[in-house]
Amino acid sequence: MSKEVKRYDATRYEALRDAAKKATPGPWRMEDDEDSAAGAMYIRQDTPDWREPIARLYGWHDQNYLEVADPTTILELLAERDALLAERDALLRQVDTLTEWYSNSLDVINDITAALPGTQYMDPPDGGDVSVPEQVRRMAKDAERTRMRVKELDLLFGRYLLAMKAAVIDADQRGDEEGMRWIYNSLAGPGELPAEDEIDAQAFFDREIKSINDGMAEVMAYHRAALQGAQP
């Protein structure tokens, strides 16, 4: 079992500081008391000029201690302690900041992980060992591809609308056959002409429009749920 370290309260350090400030400044030096048969020593301030002794000591260890522990040295040590305490407090504040940042980062990572769509952006067949940042990068690339696909479809839709508008103009100015040529060419280009055995336009439309309406209903349901906060 480790020995408990005794800790002094701040008042003792301040009392030591106050006493050192009031004492004779260092450095101090020892001088033999030539009149003492018991080996006494004088403590004097270490200055070129002669001054009255600060104290007279007989114990060698006390003499040795006071020579190195003069008030100036004590004040310097206390100042060094104050600087170390200030540095420690600054480091503790940095640790608190880093701890908070780390905790917040974990929350963000957990939120991102929860938002990822399962193993969609991992490696087949079982997901593999793909990091969260790599999954996010893959999702961003997928989002960019999706954005360009939507743009492509929007432009195609605009192109077909433009062709139909031109067809209306040509039909009005040059006859229905010329107007129909715009629509025919627009469908023939991408290979979207109806099969040759289709002879009932209304029946063809009613049959093909069903899947389109079903898909549009799904899209509209998604948008309604998004407006109500049920969708991300």
C-alpha atoms as a PDB file:
ATOM      1  CA  MET A   1       0.000   0.000   0.000  1.00  0.00           C
ATOM      2  CA  SER A   2       1.479   3.348  -1.033  1.00  0.00           C
ATOM      3  CA  LYS A   3       2.197   5.933   1.603  1.00  0.00           C
ATOM      4  CA  GLU A   4      -0.246   8.815   1.630  1.00  0.00           C
ATOM      5  CA  VAL A   5       1.338  12.062   0.508  1.00  0.00           C
ATOM      6  CA  LYS A   6       0.866  14.890   2.987  1.00  0.00           C
ATOM      7  CA  ARG A   7      -0.510  17.990   1.346  1.00  0.00           C
ATOM      8  CA  TYR A   8      -0.156  21.457   2.823  1.00  0.00           C
ATOM      9  CA  ASP A   9      -2.859  24.037   2.376  1.00  0.00           C
ATOM     10  CA  ALA A  10      -2.129  27.274   0.552  1.00  0.00           C
ATOM     11  CA  THR A  11      -1.992  29.320   3.754  1.00  0.00           C
ATOM     12  CA  ARG A  12       1.278  27.678   4.753  1.00  0.00           C
ATOM     13  CA  TYR A  13       2.894  28.620   1.451  1.00  0.00           C
ATOM     14  CA  GLU A  14       1.629  32.169   1.793  1.00  0.00           C
ATOM     15  CA  ALA A  15       2.898  32.381   5.363  1.00  0.00           C
ATOM     16  CA  LEU A  16       6.312  31.209   4.163  1.00  0.00           C
ATOM     17  CA  ARG A  17       6.261  33.748   1.332  1.00  0.00           C
ATOM     18  CA  ASP A  18       5.279  36.583   3.671  1.00  0.00           C
ATOM     19  CA  ALA A  19       8.020  35.678   6.160  1.00  0.00           C
ATOM     20  CA  ALA A  20      10.651  35.431   3.407  1.00  0.00           C
ATOM     21  CA  LYS A  21       9.733  38.847   2.053  1.00  0.00           C
ATOM     22  CA  LYS A  22      10.237  40.401   5.483  1.00  0.00           C
ATOM     23  CA  ALA A  23      13.531  38.628   6.234  1.00  0.00           C
ATOM     24  CA  THR A  24      17.022  39.758   5.236  1.00  0.00           C
ATOM     25  CA  PRO A  25      17.438  38.996   1.531  1.00  0.00           C
ATOM     26  CA  GLY A  26      19.922  36.352   0.453  1.00  0.00           C
ATOM     27  CA  PRO A  27      22.335  35.065  -0.401  1.00  0.00           C
ATOM     28  CA  TRP A  28      23.652  34.268   3.065  1.00  0.00           C
ATOM     29  CA  ARG A  29      27.088  33.016   4.076  1.00  0.00           C
ATOM     30  CA  MET A  30      28.562  31.372   7.138  1.00  0.00           C
ATOM     31  CA  GLU A  31      31.476  32.792   9.143  1.00  0.00           C
ATOM     32  CA  ASP A  32      33.329  31.267  12.040  1.00  0.00           C
ATOM     33  CA  ASP A  33      32.746  32.823  15.433  1.00  0.00           C
ATOM     34  CA  GLU A  34      36.374  33.060  16.525  1.00  0.00           C
ATOM     35  CA  ASP A  35      35.328  33.804  20.090  1.00  0.00           C
ATOM     36  CA  SER A  36      33.288  30.604  20.423  1.00  0.00           C
ATOM     37  CA  ALA A  37      34.919  27.465  21.779  1.00  0.00           C
ATOM     38  CA  ALA A  38      31.866  25.439  20.764  1.00  0.00           C
ATOM     39  CA  GLY A  39      32.288  25.999  17.033  1.00  0.00           C
ATOM     40  CA  ALA A  40      29.522  28.531  16.612  1.00  0.00           C
ATOM     41  CA  MET A  41      28.937  30.158  13.229  1.00  0.00           C
ATOM     42  CA  TYR A  42      27.585  33.532  12.271  1.00  0.00           C
ATOM     43  CA  ILE A  43      25.067  33.894   9.453  1.00  0.00           C
ATOM     44  CA  ARG A  44      25.684  37.056   7.479  1.00  0.00           C
ATOM     45  CA  GLN A  45      24.217  38.539   4.324  1.00  0.00           C
ATOM     46  CA  ASP A  46      26.652  37.791   1.526  1.00  0.00           C
ATOM     47  CA  THR A  47      27.548  41.365   0.550  1.00  0.00           C
ATOM     48  CA  PRO A  48      30.910  43.090   0.020  1.00  0.00           C
ATOM     49  CA  ASP A  49      30.393  45.463   2.926  1.00  0.00           C
ATOM     50  CA  TRP A  50      30.358  44.368   6.542  1.00  0.00           C
ATOM     51  CA  ARG A  51      26.992  43.964   8.197  1.00  0.00           C
ATOM     52  CA  GLU A  52      25.731  42.796  11.525  1.00  0.00           C
ATOM     53  CA  PRO A  53      25.239  38.994  11.714  1.00  0.00           C
ATOM     54  CA  ILE A  54      21.738  37.743  11.122  1.00  0.00           C
ATOM     55  CA  ALA A  55      22.028  34.927  13.638  1.00  0.00           C
ATOM     56  CA  ARG A  56      24.494  32.745  15.543  1.00  0.00           C
ATOM     57  CA  LEU A  57      24.179  28.969  15.266  1.00  0.00           C
ATOM     58  CA  TYR A  58      25.910  25.985  16.835  1.00  0.00           C
ATOM     59  CA  GLY A  59      24.419  23.072  14.932  1.00  0.00           C
ATOM     60  CA  TRP A  60      26.319  22.200  11.759  1.00  0.00           C
ATOM     61  CA  HIS A  61      23.220  20.912   9.928  1.00  0.00           C
ATOM     62  CA  ASP A  62      21.261  24.028  10.819  1.00  0.00           C
ATOM     63  CA  GLN A  63      24.141  26.168   9.602  1.00  0.00           C
ATOM     64  CA  ASN A  64      24.293  24.237   6.344  1.00  0.00           C
ATOM     65  CA  TYR A  65      20.523  24.470   5.844  1.00  0.00           C
ATOM     66  CA  LEU A  66      20.243  28.203   6.442  1.00  0.00           C
ATOM     67  CA  GLU A  67      23.139  28.947   4.123  1.00  0.00           C
ATOM     68  CA  VAL A  68      21.216  27.446   1.168  1.00  0.00           C
ATOM     69  CA  ALA A  69      17.660  28.252   2.295  1.00  0.00           C
ATOM     70  CA  ASP A  70      17.920  32.028   2.467  1.00  0.00           C
ATOM     71  CA  PRO A  71      14.754  34.135   1.918  1.00  0.00           C
ATOM     72  CA  THR A  72      15.643  35.015  -1.682  1.00  0.00           C
ATOM     73  CA  THR A  73      16.016  31.327  -2.578  1.00  0.00           C
ATOM     74  CA  ILE A  74      12.728  30.524  -0.832  1.00  0.00           C
ATOM     75  CA  LEU A  75      10.921  33.239  -2.814  1.00  0.00           C
ATOM     76  CA  GLU A  76      12.418  31.943  -6.067  1.00  0.00           C
ATOM     77  CA  LEU A  77      11.282  28.399  -5.259  1.00  0.00           C
ATOM     78  CA  LEU A  78       7.779  29.619  -4.401  1.00  0.00           C
ATOM     79  CA  ALA A  79       7.644  31.576  -7.682  1.00  0.00           C
ATOM     80  CA  GLU A  80       8.703  28.443  -9.562  1.00  0.00           C
ATOM     81  CA  ARG A  81       5.991  26.480  -7.729  1.00  0.00           C
ATOM     82  CA  ASP A  82       3.405  29.118  -8.703  1.00  0.00           C
ATOM     83  CA  ALA A  83       4.453  28.866 -12.354  1.00  0.00           C
ATOM     84  CA  LEU A  84       4.231  25.065 -12.267  1.00  0.00           C
ATOM     85  CA  LEU A  85       0.770  25.225 -10.696  1.00  0.00           C
ATOM     86  CA  ALA A  86      -0.382  27.685 -13.364  1.00  0.00           C
ATOM     87  CA  GLU A  87       0.998  25.385 -16.083  1.00  0.00           C
ATOM     88  CA  ARG A  88      -0.709  22.398 -14.464  1.00  0.00           C
ATOM     89  CA  ASP A  89      -4.053  24.248 -14.334  1.00  0.00           C
ATOM     90  CA  ALA A  90      -3.689  25.254 -17.990  1.00  0.00           C
ATOM     91  CA  LEU A  91      -2.986  21.632 -18.942  1.00  0.00           C
ATOM     92  CA  LEU A  92      -5.985  20.450 -16.943  1.00  0.00           C
ATOM     93  CA  ARG A  93      -8.176  22.937 -18.805  1.00  0.00           C
ATOM     94  CA  GLN A  94      -6.794  21.610 -22.097  1.00  0.00           C
ATOM     95  CA  VAL A  95      -7.542  18.053 -20.951  1.00  0.00           C
ATOM     96  CA  ASP A  96     -11.124  19.097 -20.139  1.00  0.00           C
ATOM     97  CA  THR A  97     -11.449  20.718 -23.556  1.00  0.00           C
ATOM     98  CA  LEU A  98     -10.029  17.678 -25.344  1.00  0.00           C
ATOM     99  CA  THR A  99     -12.251  15.347 -23.312  1.00  0.00           C
ATOM    100  CA  GLU A 100     -15.322  17.357 -24.273  1.00  0.00           C
ATOM    101  CA  TRP A 101     -14.204  17.464 -27.910  1.00  0.00           C
ATOM    102  CA  TYR A 102     -13.623  13.699 -27.900  1.00  0.00           C
ATOM    103  CA  SER A 103     -17.017  13.063 -26.325  1.00  0.00           C
ATOM    104  CA  ASN A 104     -18.726  15.307 -28.885  1.00  0.00           C
ATOM    105  CA  SER A 105     -16.797  13.600 -31.697  1.00  0.00           C
ATOM    106  CA  LEU A 106     -18.008  10.206 -30.506  1.00  0.00           C
ATOM    107  CA  ASP A 107     -21.585  11.515 -30.504  1.00  0.00           C
ATOM    108  CA  VAL A 108     -21.161  12.762 -34.072  1.00  0.00           C
ATOM    109  CA  ILE A 109     -19.631   9.455 -35.205  1.00  0.00           C
ATOM    110  CA  ASN A 110     -22.455   7.532 -33.531  1.00  0.00           C
ATOM    111  CA  ASP A 111     -25.034   9.774 -35.223  1.00  0.00           C
ATOM    112  CA  ILE A 112     -23.358   9.279 -38.605  1.00  0.00           C
ATOM    113  CA  THR A 113     -23.095   5.523 -38.047  1.00  0.00           C
ATOM    114  CA  ALA A 114     -26.783   5.343 -37.118  1.00  0.00           C
ATOM    115  CA  ALA A 115     -27.672   7.289 -40.281  1.00  0.00           C
ATOM    116  CA  LEU A 116     -25.752   4.960 -42.605  1.00  0.00           C
ATOM    117  CA  PRO A 117     -28.037   2.589 -44.524  1.00  0.00           C
ATOM    118  CA  GLY A 118     -26.916  -0.763 -43.156  1.00  0.00           C
ATOM    119  CA  THR A 119     -24.233  -2.434 -45.289  1.00  0.00           C
ATOM    120  CA  GLN A 120     -25.123  -0.543 -48.457  1.00  0.00           C
ATOM    121  CA  TYR A 121     -21.822   1.310 -48.503  1.00  0.00           C
ATOM    122  CA  MET A 122     -19.711  -1.561 -47.171  1.00  0.00           C
ATOM    123  CA  ASP A 123     -18.122  -4.453 -49.035  1.00  0.00           C
ATOM    124  CA  PRO A 124     -20.105  -7.501 -50.187  1.00  0.00           C
ATOM    125  CA  PRO A 125     -21.142 -10.040 -49.167  1.00  0.00           C
ATOM    126  CA  ASP A 126     -21.174  -9.376 -45.402  1.00  0.00           C
ATOM    127  CA  GLY A 127     -20.127  -5.728 -45.180  1.00  0.00           C
ATOM    128  CA  GLY A 128     -16.450  -6.279 -44.500  1.00  0.00           C
ATOM    129  CA  ASP A 129     -14.289  -3.991 -42.384  1.00  0.00           C
ATOM    130  CA  VAL A 130     -15.071  -0.578 -43.882  1.00  0.00           C
ATOM    131  CA  SER A 131     -14.507   2.480 -41.693  1.00  0.00           C
ATOM    132  CA  VAL A 132     -17.247   5.028 -41.088  1.00  0.00           C
ATOM    133  CA  PRO A 133     -15.334   7.800 -42.961  1.00  0.00           C
ATOM    134  CA  GLU A 134     -14.930   5.497 -45.982  1.00  0.00           C
ATOM    135  CA  GLN A 135     -18.636   4.676 -45.911  1.00  0.00           C
ATOM    136  CA  VAL A 136     -19.433   8.404 -45.783  1.00  0.00           C
ATOM    137  CA  ARG A 137     -17.109   9.005 -48.765  1.00  0.00           C
ATOM    138  CA  ARG A 138     -18.884   6.265 -50.705  1.00  0.00           C
ATOM    139  CA  MET A 139     -22.254   7.697 -49.759  1.00  0.00           C
ATOM    140  CA  ALA A 140     -21.126  11.163 -50.923  1.00  0.00           C
ATOM    141  CA  LYS A 141     -20.020   9.731 -54.281  1.00  0.00           C
ATOM    142  CA  ASP A 142     -23.333   7.903 -54.580  1.00  0.00           C
ATOM    143  CA  ALA A 143     -25.190  11.124 -53.759  1.00  0.00           C
ATOM    144  CA  GLU A 144     -23.223  12.937 -56.483  1.00  0.00           C
ATOM    145  CA  ARG A 145     -24.066  10.209 -59.013  1.00  0.00           C
ATOM    146  CA  THR A 146     -27.720  10.418 -57.973  1.00  0.00           C
ATOM    147  CA  ARG A 147     -27.682  14.196 -58.333  1.00  0.00           C
ATOM    148  CA  MET A 148     -26.289  13.939 -61.871  1.00  0.00           C
ATOM    149  CA  ARG A 149     -28.809  11.220 -62.724  1.00  0.00           C
ATOM    150  CA  VAL A 150     -31.677  13.421 -61.576  1.00  0.00           C
ATOM    151  CA  LYS A 151     -30.210  16.273 -63.618  1.00  0.00           C
ATOM    152  CA  GLU A 152     -29.990  13.999 -66.646  1.00  0.00           C
ATOM    153  CA  LEU A 153     -33.626  12.905 -66.290  1.00  0.00           C
ATOM    154  CA  ASP A 154     -34.727  16.493 -65.786  1.00  0.00           C
ATOM    155  CA  LEU A 155     -32.927  17.534 -68.968  1.00  0.00           C
ATOM    156  CA  LEU A 156     -34.395  14.610 -70.925  1.00  0.00           C
ATOM    157  CA  PHE A 157     -37.855  15.537 -69.670  1.00  0.00           C
ATOM    158  CA  GLY A 158     -37.237  19.138 -70.711  1.00  0.00           C
ATOM    159  CA  ARG A 159     -36.062  17.988 -74.125  1.00  0.00           C
ATOM    160  CA  TYR A 160     -39.239  15.973 -74.711  1.00  0.00           C
ATOM    161  CA  LEU A 161     -41.375  18.900 -73.584  1.00  0.00           C
ATOM    162  CA  LEU A 162     -39.492  21.147 -75.971  1.00  0.00           C
ATOM    163  CA  ALA A 163     -40.064  18.694 -78.838  1.00  0.00           C
ATOM    164  CA  MET A 164     -43.801  18.556 -78.098  1.00  0.00           C
ATOM    165  CA  LYS A 165     -43.987  22.358 -78.022  1.00  0.00           C
ATOM    166  CA  ALA A 166     -42.214  22.462 -81.391  1.00  0.00           C
ATOM    167  CA  ALA A 167     -44.665  19.813 -82.642  1.00  0.00           C
ATOM    168  CA  VAL A 168     -47.607  22.007 -81.675  1.00  0.00           C
ATOM    169  CA  ILE A 169     -46.067  24.972 -83.488  1.00  0.00           C
ATOM    170  CA  ASP A 170     -45.298  22.951 -86.639  1.00  0.00           C
ATOM    171  CA  ALA A 171     -48.714  21.291 -86.625  1.00  0.00           C
ATOM    172  CA  ASP A 172     -50.362  24.703 -86.437  1.00  0.00           C
ATOM    173  CA  GLN A 173     -48.188  26.235 -89.138  1.00  0.00           C
ATOM    174  CA  ARG A 174     -47.440  23.356 -91.512  1.00  0.00           C
ATOM    175  CA  GLY A 175     -49.977  20.664 -90.746  1.00  0.00           C
ATOM    176  CA  ASP A 176     -50.412  17.715 -88.361  1.00  0.00           C
ATOM    177  CA  GLU A 177     -48.051  15.465 -90.279  1.00  0.00           C
ATOM    178  CA  GLU A 178     -45.151  17.883 -89.873  1.00  0.00           C
ATOM    179  CA  GLY A 179     -46.015  18.330 -86.199  1.00  0.00           C
ATOM    180  CA  MET A 180     -46.130  14.569 -85.649  1.00  0.00           C
ATOM    181  CA  ARG A 181     -42.624  14.277 -87.126  1.00  0.00           C
ATOM    182  CA  TRP A 182     -41.193  16.045 -84.012  1.00  0.00           C
ATOM    183  CA  ILE A 183     -42.787  13.512 -81.674  1.00  0.00           C
ATOM    184  CA  TYR A 184     -41.856  10.544 -83.851  1.00  0.00           C
ATOM    185  CA  ASN A 185     -38.188  11.572 -84.060  1.00  0.00           C
ATOM    186  CA  SER A 186     -38.010  12.208 -80.301  1.00  0.00           C
ATOM    187  CA  LEU A 187     -39.193   8.661 -79.603  1.00  0.00           C
ATOM    188  CA  ALA A 188     -37.242   6.983 -82.389  1.00  0.00           C
ATOM    189  CA  GLY A 189     -33.895   8.398 -81.274  1.00  0.00           C
ATOM    190  CA  PRO A 190     -33.718   6.601 -77.894  1.00  0.00           C
ATOM    191  CA  GLY A 191     -35.672   3.592 -79.227  1.00  0.00           C
ATOM    192  CA  GLU A 192     -38.912   4.389 -77.425  1.00  0.00           C
ATOM    193  CA  LEU A 193     -41.362   3.921 -80.309  1.00  0.00           C
ATOM    194  CA  PRO A 194     -44.296   1.657 -79.414  1.00  0.00           C
ATOM    195  CA  ALA A 195     -44.389  -1.883 -80.802  1.00  0.00           C
ATOM    196  CA  GLU A 196     -45.842  -2.231 -84.264  1.00  0.00           C
ATOM    197  CA  ASP A 197     -48.658  -4.450 -82.978  1.00  0.00           C
ATOM    198  CA  GLU A 198     -49.993  -1.686 -80.729  1.00  0.00           C
ATOM    199  CA  ILE A 199     -53.123  -0.449 -82.537  1.00  0.00           C
ATOM    200  CA  ASP A 200     -55.312   0.905 -79.719  1.00  0.00           C
ATOM    201  CA  ALA A 201     -53.788   4.097 -78.357  1.00  0.00           C
ATOM    202  CA  GLN A 202     -56.159   4.418 -75.372  1.00  0.00           C
ATOM    203  CA  ALA A 203     -55.721   0.794 -74.318  1.00  0.00           C
ATOM    204  CA  PHE A 204     -51.956   1.145 -74.660  1.00  0.00           C
ATOM    205  CA  PHE A 205     -51.976   4.320 -72.544  1.00  0.00           C
ATOM    206  CA  ASP A 206     -54.240   2.868 -69.841  1.00  0.00           C
ATOM    207  CA  ARG A 207     -52.041  -0.215 -69.508  1.00  0.00           C
ATOM    208  CA  GLU A 208     -48.677   1.564 -69.408  1.00  0.00           C
ATOM    209  CA  ILE A 209     -49.750   4.459 -67.216  1.00  0.00           C
ATOM    210  CA  LYS A 210     -50.581   2.170 -64.280  1.00  0.00           C
ATOM    211  CA  SER A 211     -46.954   1.507 -63.258  1.00  0.00           C
ATOM    212  CA  ILE A 212     -46.164   5.184 -63.697  1.00  0.00           C
ATOM    213  CA  ASN A 213     -49.054   6.216 -61.464  1.00  0.00           C
ATOM    214  CA  ASP A 214     -48.058   3.619 -58.854  1.00  0.00           C
ATOM    215  CA  GLY A 215     -44.496   4.952 -58.806  1.00  0.00           C
ATOM    216  CA  MET A 216     -45.720   8.539 -58.607  1.00  0.00           C
ATOM    217  CA  ALA A 217     -47.960   7.637 -55.678  1.00  0.00           C
ATOM    218  CA  GLU A 218     -44.939   6.217 -53.849  1.00  0.00           C
ATOM    219  CA  VAL A 219     -42.967   9.406 -54.514  1.00  0.00           C
ATOM    220  CA  MET A 220     -45.786  11.653 -53.331  1.00  0.00           C
ATOM    221  CA  ALA A 221     -46.246   9.569 -50.177  1.00  0.00           C
ATOM    222  CA  TYR A 222     -42.565  10.025 -49.414  1.00  0.00           C
ATOM    223  CA  HIS A 223     -42.794  13.790 -49.851  1.00  0.00           C
ATOM    224  CA  ARG A 224     -45.915  14.012 -47.666  1.00  0.00           C
ATOM    225  CA  ALA A 225     -44.174  12.041 -44.922  1.00  0.00           C
ATOM    226  CA  ALA A 226     -41.117  14.285 -45.230  1.00  0.00           C
ATOM    227  CA  LEU A 227     -43.253  17.381 -44.765  1.00  0.00           C
ATOM    228  CA  GLN A 228     -44.752  15.810 -41.631  1.00  0.00           C
ATOM    229  CA  GLY A 229     -41.312  14.979 -40.219  1.00  0.00           C
ATOM    230  CA  ALA A 230     -41.582  11.209 -40.631  1.00  0.00           C
ATOM    231  CA  GLN A 231     -38.829  11.067 -43.252  1.00  0.00           C
ATOM    232  CA  PRO A 232     -35.240  12.363 -43.000  1.00  0.00           C
END
